[in-house]
Amino acid sequence: MTYIIGQPCVDIKDRACVDECPVDCIYEGKRMLYIQPDECVDCGACEPVCPVEAIYYEDDLPEDQSEYYDVNVKFFDDLGMPGGAAKLGVIDSDHPLVAALPPQNGAE
C-alpha cells in the first residue's frame, strides 16, 4: 500500500508534502507532484500538511480520482526508483493524463 497524489495537486504543487516526507519519495513533475510507490514507506506525514487535500491513502482514493493511482505509478515507468527526489529536481514532464488537462485553478 502507498499514498497517492490526486487531481487537486495539478497546477498547485504546494510542496509542503515534499518538505515533510522523511524518505524524499515525492517527485515534482511539470504540473503536479507524484509519490514513487516503491520508495514510499506509508508513514502518512505528507497527508495532513497538504493544503488542498490532494493526498490519499491508496484505499481511500475517491472513486472519481481512481485513475490517479495509475498516474502516480506509471509516472515512474521510465524513471524507476531514482532513490530520492532531491537528486532529480523538477522533472520536465507529467503523466499524459495530467499533461492533457486544461489549466487548473487559474494557472496559465
Protein backbone atom coordinates (compact mmCIF):
# COMPACT_ATOMS: atom_id res chain seq x y z
CA MET A 1 0.00 0.00 0.00
CA THR A 2 1.06 3.57 -0.58
CA TYR A 3 -0.14 7.15 -0.69
CA ILE A 4 -1.42 8.71 -3.90
CA ILE A 5 -1.47 12.34 -5.04
CA GLY A 6 -4.69 13.23 -6.83
CA GLN A 7 -6.11 15.86 -9.13
CA PRO A 8 -6.28 18.74 -6.60
CA CYS A 9 -2.47 18.99 -6.84
CA VAL A 10 -2.50 19.77 -10.57
CA ASP A 11 -1.11 23.28 -11.12
CA ILE A 12 -0.85 23.86 -7.33
CA LYS A 13 2.31 21.95 -6.29
CA ASP A 14 2.39 23.45 -2.77
CA ARG A 15 5.42 21.30 -1.78
CA ALA A 16 4.58 21.19 1.96
CA CYS A 17 4.37 17.42 1.49
CA VAL A 18 7.85 17.35 -0.06
CA ASP A 19 9.28 19.17 2.95
CA GLU A 20 7.51 16.77 5.34
CA CYS A 21 8.43 13.50 3.59
CA PRO A 22 11.18 11.72 5.57
CA VAL A 23 12.23 9.48 2.65
CA ASP A 24 12.23 12.03 -0.21
CA CYS A 25 9.78 9.99 -2.33
CA ILE A 26 7.62 12.87 -3.62
CA TYR A 27 8.82 13.95 -7.05
CA GLU A 28 7.91 17.17 -8.83
CA GLY A 29 6.64 16.97 -12.37
CA LYS A 30 5.83 19.92 -14.58
CA ARG A 31 2.24 20.35 -13.31
CA MET A 32 1.89 18.15 -10.22
CA LEU A 33 3.72 16.13 -7.59
CA TYR A 34 3.95 12.33 -7.68
CA ILE A 35 4.68 9.74 -4.99
CA GLN A 36 7.08 6.96 -6.01
CA PRO A 37 5.13 3.94 -4.69
CA ASP A 38 8.17 1.71 -4.11
CA GLU A 39 10.03 4.40 -2.15
CA CYS A 40 7.03 5.45 -0.02
CA VAL A 41 7.16 3.96 3.50
CA ASP A 42 3.48 4.70 4.20
CA CYS A 43 4.26 6.99 7.13
CA GLY A 44 1.44 9.39 6.25
CA ALA A 45 3.41 12.52 7.13
CA CYS A 46 2.53 14.11 3.79
CA GLU A 47 -1.25 13.79 4.01
CA PRO A 48 -2.11 16.25 6.82
CA VAL A 49 0.15 19.04 5.51
CA CYS A 50 -1.38 19.16 2.02
CA PRO A 51 -3.38 22.42 1.90
CA VAL A 52 -5.61 21.22 -0.97
CA GLU A 53 -6.18 17.70 0.44
CA ALA A 54 -4.76 16.04 -2.67
CA ILE A 55 -3.02 13.15 -0.88
CA TYR A 56 -4.90 9.95 -0.14
CA TYR A 57 -4.04 6.58 1.29
CA GLU A 58 -4.38 4.16 -1.62
CA ASP A 59 -7.54 2.53 -0.20
CA ASP A 60 -9.11 5.94 0.45
CA LEU A 61 -8.66 7.38 -3.04
CA PRO A 62 -12.05 8.81 -4.10
CA GLU A 63 -13.69 6.87 -6.92
CA ASP A 64 -13.76 9.95 -9.16
CA GLN A 65 -9.95 10.09 -8.90
CA SER A 66 -9.23 6.38 -9.21
CA GLU A 67 -7.15 6.95 -12.37
CA TYR A 68 -4.61 8.85 -10.25
CA TYR A 69 -3.38 5.55 -8.82
CA ASP A 70 -2.09 4.67 -12.30
CA VAL A 71 -0.97 8.26 -12.86
CA ASN A 72 1.36 8.05 -9.84
CA VAL A 73 2.60 4.54 -10.64
CA LYS A 74 3.11 4.98 -14.40
CA PHE A 75 4.87 8.34 -14.00
CA PHE A 76 7.81 6.26 -12.77
CA ASP A 77 7.80 3.73 -15.64
CA ASP A 78 10.82 5.42 -17.25
CA LEU A 79 12.32 6.87 -14.05
CA GLY A 80 12.23 3.69 -11.99
CA MET A 81 13.34 4.14 -8.39
CA PRO A 82 15.65 7.16 -8.53
CA GLY A 83 16.35 6.96 -4.80
CA GLY A 84 15.28 10.43 -3.80
CA ALA A 85 13.51 13.35 -5.39
CA ALA A 86 16.17 15.86 -4.33
CA LYS A 87 18.62 14.20 -6.72
CA LEU A 88 16.42 14.94 -9.74
CA GLY A 89 14.82 18.31 -9.02
CA VAL A 90 11.85 19.24 -11.21
CA ILE A 91 11.16 16.66 -13.89
CA ASP A 92 10.17 18.37 -17.13
CA SER A 93 7.23 16.07 -17.85
CA ASP A 94 3.97 14.76 -16.46
CA HIS A 95 1.83 11.69 -16.88
CA PRO A 96 -0.13 12.08 -20.16
CA LEU A 97 -3.46 12.39 -18.32
CA VAL A 98 -2.12 15.35 -16.31
CA ALA A 99 -0.39 16.94 -19.30
CA ALA A 100 -3.66 16.85 -21.26
CA LEU A 101 -5.72 18.62 -18.57
CA PRO A 102 -6.69 22.24 -19.17
CA PRO A 103 -5.03 24.70 -16.77
CA GLN A 104 -6.45 24.26 -13.25
CA ASN A 105 -7.24 26.85 -10.59
CA GLY A 106 -6.40 29.86 -12.73
CA ALA A 107 -2.98 28.57 -13.85
CA GLU A 108 -1.84 29.64 -17.29
